[in-house]
Each structure stands twice: as structure tokens, then as C-alpha cells.
Amino acid sequence: MMTIKCFECNMLQENCYIVSDDTKEAVVIDCGALWQDERQAIVNYIRQNGLTLKHVLCTHGHLDHCFGIDLLWHEFGVKPEVSRDDDFLASHLQEQASQMFGMQDEIEQTPVGQYLTPNAFIRFGNHQLQVLPTPGHTPGGVFFYCAEEHVAFSGDTLFRMSIGRTDFPRGSYEQMIDSLHNVVARLPKETRVYPGHGPQTTIQDELTYNPYFR
């Protein structure tokens, strides 16, 4: 049985997920923790539940999803994993801070542990997450999909009744629509989707009501 804990982080109300199972092994998806209280809450949850952190996963390289990856590296010795196509973002967090957020505070650059490869499986405990490339919001955007639990983590590709922006550098509306129709829409309809911002949804609801699937 998979346990999913969501922490809402930073000024953009980004969803950081800690996913674990009965073995107490865990992954963190999109650690956007910026403020000290939310960073401490994430560390406390991992430690108080006796979890062993195996992977720090990034659905894409935007800073609001990566504010807290330095924390997990220092506290648990686990480096982030991201698509190589988003290395131009993940390896330049300070530039993102100033250009996208107007932040002057120093952002620590955390080294990438390994690059995610298409259709690879990320294993922890008794579960695995498949890496499904969904470019559009960024070139290296991915879904993390668990077939056994019918669960997907969509980052900023898919939101409830909406999609992520495609007007950032190297974003592509055409790629986004292709990802939605040729990757996302092919997932089982009962799949629960945990997005990078906002409430969860299902593939069935998105196919029925989301205008970008029409």
C-alpha cells in the first residue's frame, strides 16, 4: 500500500509529495520547500515516520519545484534526479531565481545525482514509478506513473481542468498537446493524478471535462 503525503510549498503553492510504503522506503517528488517552516516539516515527516529516502525526483527543472533539493541532499545524502533535457534549468537555479522570481538571495546549486531516462523504472520498497516523458511545459517534463496503484504525478504538465504554461523558455504548446493526447490520455481512466499545483484529479475527469483533450 502506497502512502502519499503532500506539502504545499513556497510562494507558488507548489505540491511536494513524499511517497512511501510499508517497507518505509520513500521517494520525494518535486521538493519545492523554500521557507524554513516547510523545510523543517518535510525533514520531520521523514524522520518521525522512520522513512529511508531512496530517491529525490523532479518532474521538471523549474525552481519552484527544486527549492528544497539542497535540503534533502544535506539532510539525507540523496541527490536529485531530473531529465537531461531539463539540465539547462536544473543546473542553473541561481539564474532562475533572479530571472524568473527576481530573487537576490543565494540559491545553492545541488548536483544532479543521475538523469532520468524515458520509460525507466524508479524502484523503492515494493513499488516502482515509470518515467513517462511529457514535454511541453519544459523539454524534459515527465510523469511518474505507478501502474500497480493507478497513480501518476504530473508536475506542471496537467492540472485539474487545465495544463501548465508553455510560454517559458523552450516550452512548446505543440509538444504539450502531443504529450496530452499520446501519453497522458492513454493512461487508465481510473488513474489518480497528483499535480504540481492545485488539487488532485483523475484521467477520467480530465478526458471528460478538460478542454485541452478535445
C-alpha atoms as a PDB file:
ATOM      1  CA  MET A   1       0.000   0.000   0.000  1.00  0.00           C
ATOM      2  CA  MET A   2       1.386   3.375  -1.036  1.00  0.00           C
ATOM      3  CA  THR A   3       1.221   6.366   1.294  1.00  0.00           C
ATOM      4  CA  ILE A   4       1.242   9.829  -0.297  1.00  0.00           C
ATOM      5  CA  LYS A   5       1.839  12.918   1.819  1.00  0.00           C
ATOM      6  CA  CYS A   6       1.536  16.341   0.191  1.00  0.00           C
ATOM      7  CA  PHE A   7       3.258  19.506   1.405  1.00  0.00           C
ATOM      8  CA  GLU A   8       2.250  22.820  -0.166  1.00  0.00           C
ATOM      9  CA  CYS A   9       5.390  24.879  -0.616  1.00  0.00           C
ATOM     10  CA  ASN A  10       6.735  28.327  -1.458  1.00  0.00           C
ATOM     11  CA  MET A  11       5.050  31.420  -2.885  1.00  0.00           C
ATOM     12  CA  LEU A  12       3.564  29.489  -5.815  1.00  0.00           C
ATOM     13  CA  GLN A  13       1.837  26.882  -3.636  1.00  0.00           C
ATOM     14  CA  GLU A  14       3.747  24.046  -5.245  1.00  0.00           C
ATOM     15  CA  ASN A  15       2.907  20.466  -4.257  1.00  0.00           C
ATOM     16  CA  CYS A  16       5.780  18.424  -2.850  1.00  0.00           C
ATOM     17  CA  TYR A  17       4.967  14.732  -2.401  1.00  0.00           C
ATOM     18  CA  ILE A  18       6.568  12.190  -0.105  1.00  0.00           C
ATOM     19  CA  VAL A  19       5.658   8.709  -1.308  1.00  0.00           C
ATOM     20  CA  SER A  20       6.363   5.632   0.811  1.00  0.00           C
ATOM     21  CA  ASP A  21       5.113   2.127   1.501  1.00  0.00           C
ATOM     22  CA  ASP A  22       5.136  -0.499   4.249  1.00  0.00           C
ATOM     23  CA  THR A  23       8.870  -1.100   3.847  1.00  0.00           C
ATOM     24  CA  LYS A  24       9.490   2.511   4.993  1.00  0.00           C
ATOM     25  CA  GLU A  25      11.427   3.283   1.824  1.00  0.00           C
ATOM     26  CA  ALA A  26      10.398   6.569   0.246  1.00  0.00           C
ATOM     27  CA  VAL A  27      10.834   8.990  -2.629  1.00  0.00           C
ATOM     28  CA  VAL A  28      10.295  12.736  -2.624  1.00  0.00           C
ATOM     29  CA  ILE A  29       8.775  14.239  -5.760  1.00  0.00           C
ATOM     30  CA  ASP A  30       9.286  17.949  -6.531  1.00  0.00           C
ATOM     31  CA  CYS A  31      10.717  19.295  -3.291  1.00  0.00           C
ATOM     32  CA  GLY A  32       9.861  22.982  -3.627  1.00  0.00           C
ATOM     33  CA  ALA A  33      10.327  23.754   0.054  1.00  0.00           C
ATOM     34  CA  LEU A  34      11.678  27.300   0.396  1.00  0.00           C
ATOM     35  CA  TRP A  35      10.659  28.678   3.775  1.00  0.00           C
ATOM     36  CA  GLN A  36      12.241  27.295   6.926  1.00  0.00           C
ATOM     37  CA  ASP A  37       8.976  26.013   8.410  1.00  0.00           C
ATOM     38  CA  GLU A  38       8.064  23.965   5.349  1.00  0.00           C
ATOM     39  CA  ARG A  39      11.624  22.643   5.005  1.00  0.00           C
ATOM     40  CA  GLN A  40      11.572  21.546   8.641  1.00  0.00           C
ATOM     41  CA  ALA A  41       8.140  19.955   8.229  1.00  0.00           C
ATOM     42  CA  ILE A  42       9.423  17.757   5.410  1.00  0.00           C
ATOM     43  CA  VAL A  43      12.500  16.659   7.362  1.00  0.00           C
ATOM     44  CA  ASN A  44      10.355  15.972  10.435  1.00  0.00           C
ATOM     45  CA  TYR A  45       7.889  13.856   8.468  1.00  0.00           C
ATOM     46  CA  ILE A  46      10.646  11.679   7.027  1.00  0.00           C
ATOM     47  CA  ARG A  47      12.396  11.195  10.358  1.00  0.00           C
ATOM     48  CA  GLN A  48       9.349  10.817  12.576  1.00  0.00           C
ATOM     49  CA  ASN A  49       7.927   8.135  10.282  1.00  0.00           C
ATOM     50  CA  GLY A  50      11.230   6.281  10.151  1.00  0.00           C
ATOM     51  CA  LEU A  51      11.482   6.592   6.369  1.00  0.00           C
ATOM     52  CA  THR A  52      14.570   5.803   4.327  1.00  0.00           C
ATOM     53  CA  LEU A  53      14.827   8.239   1.433  1.00  0.00           C
ATOM     54  CA  LYS A  54      15.846   6.431  -1.760  1.00  0.00           C
ATOM     55  CA  HIS A  55      15.194   8.993  -4.500  1.00  0.00           C
ATOM     56  CA  VAL A  56      14.643  12.719  -4.935  1.00  0.00           C
ATOM     57  CA  LEU A  57      12.680  13.070  -8.164  1.00  0.00           C
ATOM     58  CA  CYS A  58      11.939  16.159 -10.242  1.00  0.00           C
ATOM     59  CA  THR A  59       9.115  16.205 -12.774  1.00  0.00           C
ATOM     60  CA  HIS A  60      10.957  19.141 -14.359  1.00  0.00           C
ATOM     61  CA  GLY A  61      13.663  21.659 -13.598  1.00  0.00           C
ATOM     62  CA  HIS A  62      11.780  24.827 -12.669  1.00  0.00           C
ATOM     63  CA  LEU A  63      12.978  26.371  -9.429  1.00  0.00           C
ATOM     64  CA  ASP A  64       9.610  26.343  -7.656  1.00  0.00           C
ATOM     65  CA  HIS A  65       9.831  22.529  -7.813  1.00  0.00           C
ATOM     66  CA  CYS A  66      13.507  22.453  -6.769  1.00  0.00           C
ATOM     67  CA  PHE A  67      13.877  24.975  -3.927  1.00  0.00           C
ATOM     68  CA  GLY A  68      14.298  22.150  -1.407  1.00  0.00           C
ATOM     69  CA  ILE A  69      16.551  19.691  -3.193  1.00  0.00           C
ATOM     70  CA  ASP A  70      19.607  21.070  -1.377  1.00  0.00           C
ATOM     71  CA  LEU A  71      17.878  20.292   1.920  1.00  0.00           C
ATOM     72  CA  LEU A  72      17.393  16.627   1.031  1.00  0.00           C
ATOM     73  CA  TRP A  73      20.959  16.339  -0.200  1.00  0.00           C
ATOM     74  CA  HIS A  74      22.386  17.727   3.027  1.00  0.00           C
ATOM     75  CA  GLU A  75      19.987  16.016   5.429  1.00  0.00           C
ATOM     76  CA  PHE A  76      19.765  12.591   3.779  1.00  0.00           C
ATOM     77  CA  GLY A  77      22.621  12.443   1.262  1.00  0.00           C
ATOM     78  CA  VAL A  78      20.320  11.930  -1.730  1.00  0.00           C
ATOM     79  CA  LYS A  79      20.896  13.955  -4.909  1.00  0.00           C
ATOM     80  CA  PRO A  80      18.070  14.930  -7.273  1.00  0.00           C
ATOM     81  CA  GLU A  81      17.144  13.086 -10.459  1.00  0.00           C
ATOM     82  CA  VAL A  82      15.851  15.002 -13.474  1.00  0.00           C
ATOM     83  CA  SER A  83      15.616  14.568 -17.237  1.00  0.00           C
ATOM     84  CA  ARG A  84      18.780  15.526 -19.088  1.00  0.00           C
ATOM     85  CA  ASP A  85      16.592  17.694 -21.339  1.00  0.00           C
ATOM     86  CA  ASP A  86      15.937  19.914 -18.308  1.00  0.00           C
ATOM     87  CA  ASP A  87      19.567  20.141 -17.234  1.00  0.00           C
ATOM     88  CA  PHE A  88      19.674  23.694 -18.606  1.00  0.00           C
ATOM     89  CA  LEU A  89      17.219  24.541 -15.800  1.00  0.00           C
ATOM     90  CA  ALA A  90      18.307  22.207 -13.004  1.00  0.00           C
ATOM     91  CA  SER A  91      21.955  23.255 -13.321  1.00  0.00           C
ATOM     92  CA  HIS A  92      21.176  26.976 -13.247  1.00  0.00           C
ATOM     93  CA  LEU A  93      18.959  27.508 -10.228  1.00  0.00           C
ATOM     94  CA  GLN A  94      20.529  30.847  -9.303  1.00  0.00           C
ATOM     95  CA  GLU A  95      19.807  32.245 -12.756  1.00  0.00           C
ATOM     96  CA  GLN A  96      16.211  31.098 -12.457  1.00  0.00           C
ATOM     97  CA  ALA A  97      15.923  32.768  -9.065  1.00  0.00           C
ATOM     98  CA  SER A  98      16.928  36.141 -10.421  1.00  0.00           C
ATOM     99  CA  GLN A  99      15.326  35.950 -13.863  1.00  0.00           C
ATOM    100  CA  MET A 100      12.015  34.289 -13.023  1.00  0.00           C
ATOM    101  CA  PHE A 101      11.440  35.361  -9.425  1.00  0.00           C
ATOM    102  CA  GLY A 102      13.541  38.495  -9.031  1.00  0.00           C
ATOM    103  CA  MET A 103      15.205  36.894  -6.015  1.00  0.00           C
ATOM    104  CA  GLN A 104      18.576  38.147  -4.865  1.00  0.00           C
ATOM    105  CA  ASP A 105      19.056  35.517  -2.162  1.00  0.00           C
ATOM    106  CA  GLU A 106      21.717  32.942  -2.924  1.00  0.00           C
ATOM    107  CA  ILE A 107      20.333  29.613  -4.122  1.00  0.00           C
ATOM    108  CA  GLU A 108      22.636  26.649  -3.548  1.00  0.00           C
ATOM    109  CA  GLN A 109      23.319  24.627  -6.677  1.00  0.00           C
ATOM    110  CA  THR A 110      22.709  20.963  -5.909  1.00  0.00           C
ATOM    111  CA  PRO A 111      24.466  18.478  -8.215  1.00  0.00           C
ATOM    112  CA  VAL A 112      22.254  16.119 -10.195  1.00  0.00           C
ATOM    113  CA  GLY A 113      22.609  12.548  -8.986  1.00  0.00           C
ATOM    114  CA  GLN A 114      21.522  10.913 -12.213  1.00  0.00           C
ATOM    115  CA  TYR A 115      19.431  11.726 -15.241  1.00  0.00           C
ATOM    116  CA  LEU A 116      16.024  10.191 -15.763  1.00  0.00           C
ATOM    117  CA  THR A 117      15.670   8.115 -18.918  1.00  0.00           C
ATOM    118  CA  PRO A 118      12.407   7.594 -20.825  1.00  0.00           C
ATOM    119  CA  ASN A 119      10.316   4.647 -19.607  1.00  0.00           C
ATOM    120  CA  ALA A 120      12.834   3.759 -16.898  1.00  0.00           C
ATOM    121  CA  PHE A 121      11.518   2.458 -13.572  1.00  0.00           C
ATOM    122  CA  ILE A 122      12.328   4.159 -10.273  1.00  0.00           C
ATOM    123  CA  ARG A 123      12.189   1.489  -7.568  1.00  0.00           C
ATOM    124  CA  PHE A 124      11.618   1.898  -3.847  1.00  0.00           C
ATOM    125  CA  GLY A 125      10.207  -0.573  -1.360  1.00  0.00           C
ATOM    126  CA  ASN A 126       7.622  -2.753  -3.057  1.00  0.00           C
ATOM    127  CA  HIS A 127       6.742  -0.170  -5.677  1.00  0.00           C
ATOM    128  CA  GLN A 128       8.066   1.344  -8.859  1.00  0.00           C
ATOM    129  CA  LEU A 129       7.390   4.537 -10.772  1.00  0.00           C
ATOM    130  CA  GLN A 130       7.706   4.610 -14.545  1.00  0.00           C
ATOM    131  CA  VAL A 131       9.223   7.719 -16.128  1.00  0.00           C
ATOM    132  CA  LEU A 132       6.908   8.924 -18.909  1.00  0.00           C
ATOM    133  CA  PRO A 133       8.271  11.852 -20.968  1.00  0.00           C
ATOM    134  CA  THR A 134       5.696  14.640 -21.292  1.00  0.00           C
ATOM    135  CA  PRO A 135       7.498  17.615 -22.863  1.00  0.00           C
ATOM    136  CA  GLY A 136       5.671  20.889 -23.370  1.00  0.00           C
ATOM    137  CA  HIS A 137       5.891  22.877 -20.160  1.00  0.00           C
ATOM    138  CA  THR A 138       9.622  22.189 -20.349  1.00  0.00           C
ATOM    139  CA  PRO A 139      11.591  19.963 -22.764  1.00  0.00           C
ATOM    140  CA  GLY A 140      12.319  17.416 -20.040  1.00  0.00           C
ATOM    141  CA  GLY A 141       8.987  17.319 -18.246  1.00  0.00           C
ATOM    142  CA  VAL A 142       7.895  13.860 -17.100  1.00  0.00           C
ATOM    143  CA  PHE A 143       5.059  11.988 -15.433  1.00  0.00           C
ATOM    144  CA  PHE A 144       5.898   9.470 -12.713  1.00  0.00           C
ATOM    145  CA  TYR A 145       3.382   6.632 -13.082  1.00  0.00           C
ATOM    146  CA  CYS A 146       2.703   3.718 -10.741  1.00  0.00           C
ATOM    147  CA  ALA A 147       0.621   1.129 -12.606  1.00  0.00           C
ATOM    148  CA  GLU A 148       0.060  -1.039  -9.537  1.00  0.00           C
ATOM    149  CA  GLU A 149      -1.581   1.789  -7.575  1.00  0.00           C
ATOM    150  CA  HIS A 150      -3.115   3.601 -10.586  1.00  0.00           C
ATOM    151  CA  VAL A 151      -1.370   6.809  -9.534  1.00  0.00           C
ATOM    152  CA  ALA A 152       0.513   9.441 -11.534  1.00  0.00           C
ATOM    153  CA  PHE A 153       2.445  12.557 -10.569  1.00  0.00           C
ATOM    154  CA  SER A 154       2.104  15.098 -13.343  1.00  0.00           C
ATOM    155  CA  GLY A 155       4.257  18.066 -12.319  1.00  0.00           C
ATOM    156  CA  ASP A 156       3.188  21.070 -14.366  1.00  0.00           C
ATOM    157  CA  THR A 157       2.050  19.110 -17.401  1.00  0.00           C
ATOM    158  CA  LEU A 158      -1.500  18.514 -16.197  1.00  0.00           C
ATOM    159  CA  PHE A 159      -3.593  20.308 -13.588  1.00  0.00           C
ATOM    160  CA  ARG A 160      -7.211  19.752 -12.645  1.00  0.00           C
ATOM    161  CA  MET A 161      -9.135  21.002 -15.713  1.00  0.00           C
ATOM    162  CA  SER A 162      -6.064  22.790 -17.050  1.00  0.00           C
ATOM    163  CA  ILE A 163      -2.465  22.411 -18.194  1.00  0.00           C
ATOM    164  CA  GLY A 164       0.871  24.053 -17.461  1.00  0.00           C
ATOM    165  CA  ARG A 165       2.145  27.147 -19.204  1.00  0.00           C
ATOM    166  CA  THR A 166       4.121  26.741 -22.411  1.00  0.00           C
ATOM    167  CA  ASP A 167       5.439  30.292 -22.791  1.00  0.00           C
ATOM    168  CA  PHE A 168       8.572  29.806 -20.691  1.00  0.00           C
ATOM    169  CA  PRO A 169      11.943  29.390 -22.464  1.00  0.00           C
ATOM    170  CA  ARG A 170      11.940  26.208 -24.569  1.00  0.00           C
ATOM    171  CA  GLY A 171       8.322  25.468 -23.731  1.00  0.00           C
ATOM    172  CA  SER A 172       6.141  24.257 -26.588  1.00  0.00           C
ATOM    173  CA  TYR A 173       2.357  24.242 -26.903  1.00  0.00           C
ATOM    174  CA  GLU A 174       2.586  21.741 -29.763  1.00  0.00           C
ATOM    175  CA  GLN A 175       4.645  19.353 -27.652  1.00  0.00           C
ATOM    176  CA  MET A 176       2.260  19.820 -24.744  1.00  0.00           C
ATOM    177  CA  ILE A 177      -0.765  18.834 -26.809  1.00  0.00           C
ATOM    178  CA  ASP A 178       1.137  15.844 -28.201  1.00  0.00           C
ATOM    179  CA  SER A 179       2.055  14.753 -24.664  1.00  0.00           C
ATOM    180  CA  LEU A 180      -1.535  15.066 -23.501  1.00  0.00           C
ATOM    181  CA  HIS A 181      -3.018  13.072 -26.351  1.00  0.00           C
ATOM    182  CA  ASN A 182      -0.308  10.463 -26.908  1.00  0.00           C
ATOM    183  CA  VAL A 183       0.911   9.847 -23.357  1.00  0.00           C
ATOM    184  CA  VAL A 184      -1.495  11.145 -20.720  1.00  0.00           C
ATOM    185  CA  ALA A 185      -4.741  10.169 -22.452  1.00  0.00           C
ATOM    186  CA  ARG A 186      -3.505   6.596 -22.804  1.00  0.00           C
ATOM    187  CA  LEU A 187      -3.213   6.038 -19.073  1.00  0.00           C
ATOM    188  CA  PRO A 188      -6.006   4.003 -17.459  1.00  0.00           C
ATOM    189  CA  LYS A 189      -9.034   6.188 -16.813  1.00  0.00           C
ATOM    190  CA  GLU A 190      -9.079   5.317 -13.106  1.00  0.00           C
ATOM    191  CA  THR A 191      -5.584   6.770 -12.632  1.00  0.00           C
ATOM    192  CA  ARG A 192      -5.422   9.383  -9.851  1.00  0.00           C
ATOM    193  CA  VAL A 193      -3.284  12.341 -10.849  1.00  0.00           C
ATOM    194  CA  TYR A 194      -1.305  14.357  -8.317  1.00  0.00           C
ATOM    195  CA  PRO A 195      -0.301  17.639  -9.983  1.00  0.00           C
ATOM    196  CA  GLY A 196       2.437  20.136  -9.240  1.00  0.00           C
ATOM    197  CA  HIS A 197      -0.109  22.736  -8.150  1.00  0.00           C
ATOM    198  CA  GLY A 198      -3.712  22.521  -7.025  1.00  0.00           C
ATOM    199  CA  PRO A 199      -5.985  19.574  -6.201  1.00  0.00           C
ATOM    200  CA  GLN A 200      -5.703  16.018  -7.454  1.00  0.00           C
ATOM    201  CA  THR A 201      -7.819  14.741 -10.307  1.00  0.00           C
ATOM    202  CA  THR A 202      -8.336  11.608 -12.409  1.00  0.00           C
ATOM    203  CA  ILE A 203      -7.652  10.772 -16.028  1.00  0.00           C
ATOM    204  CA  GLN A 204     -11.364  10.075 -16.481  1.00  0.00           C
ATOM    205  CA  ASP A 205     -12.345  13.559 -15.310  1.00  0.00           C
ATOM    206  CA  GLU A 206      -9.700  15.218 -17.458  1.00  0.00           C
ATOM    207  CA  LEU A 207     -10.725  13.340 -20.581  1.00  0.00           C
ATOM    208  CA  THR A 208     -14.333  14.309 -19.915  1.00  0.00           C
ATOM    209  CA  TYR A 209     -14.020  17.938 -18.846  1.00  0.00           C
ATOM    210  CA  ASN A 210     -10.569  19.325 -19.653  1.00  0.00           C
ATOM    211  CA  PRO A 211     -10.854  21.352 -22.896  1.00  0.00           C
ATOM    212  CA  TYR A 212      -7.269  20.553 -23.904  1.00  0.00           C
ATOM    213  CA  PHE A 213      -8.215  16.930 -24.521  1.00  0.00           C
ATOM    214  CA  ARG A 214     -10.898  17.780 -27.054  1.00  0.00           C
END
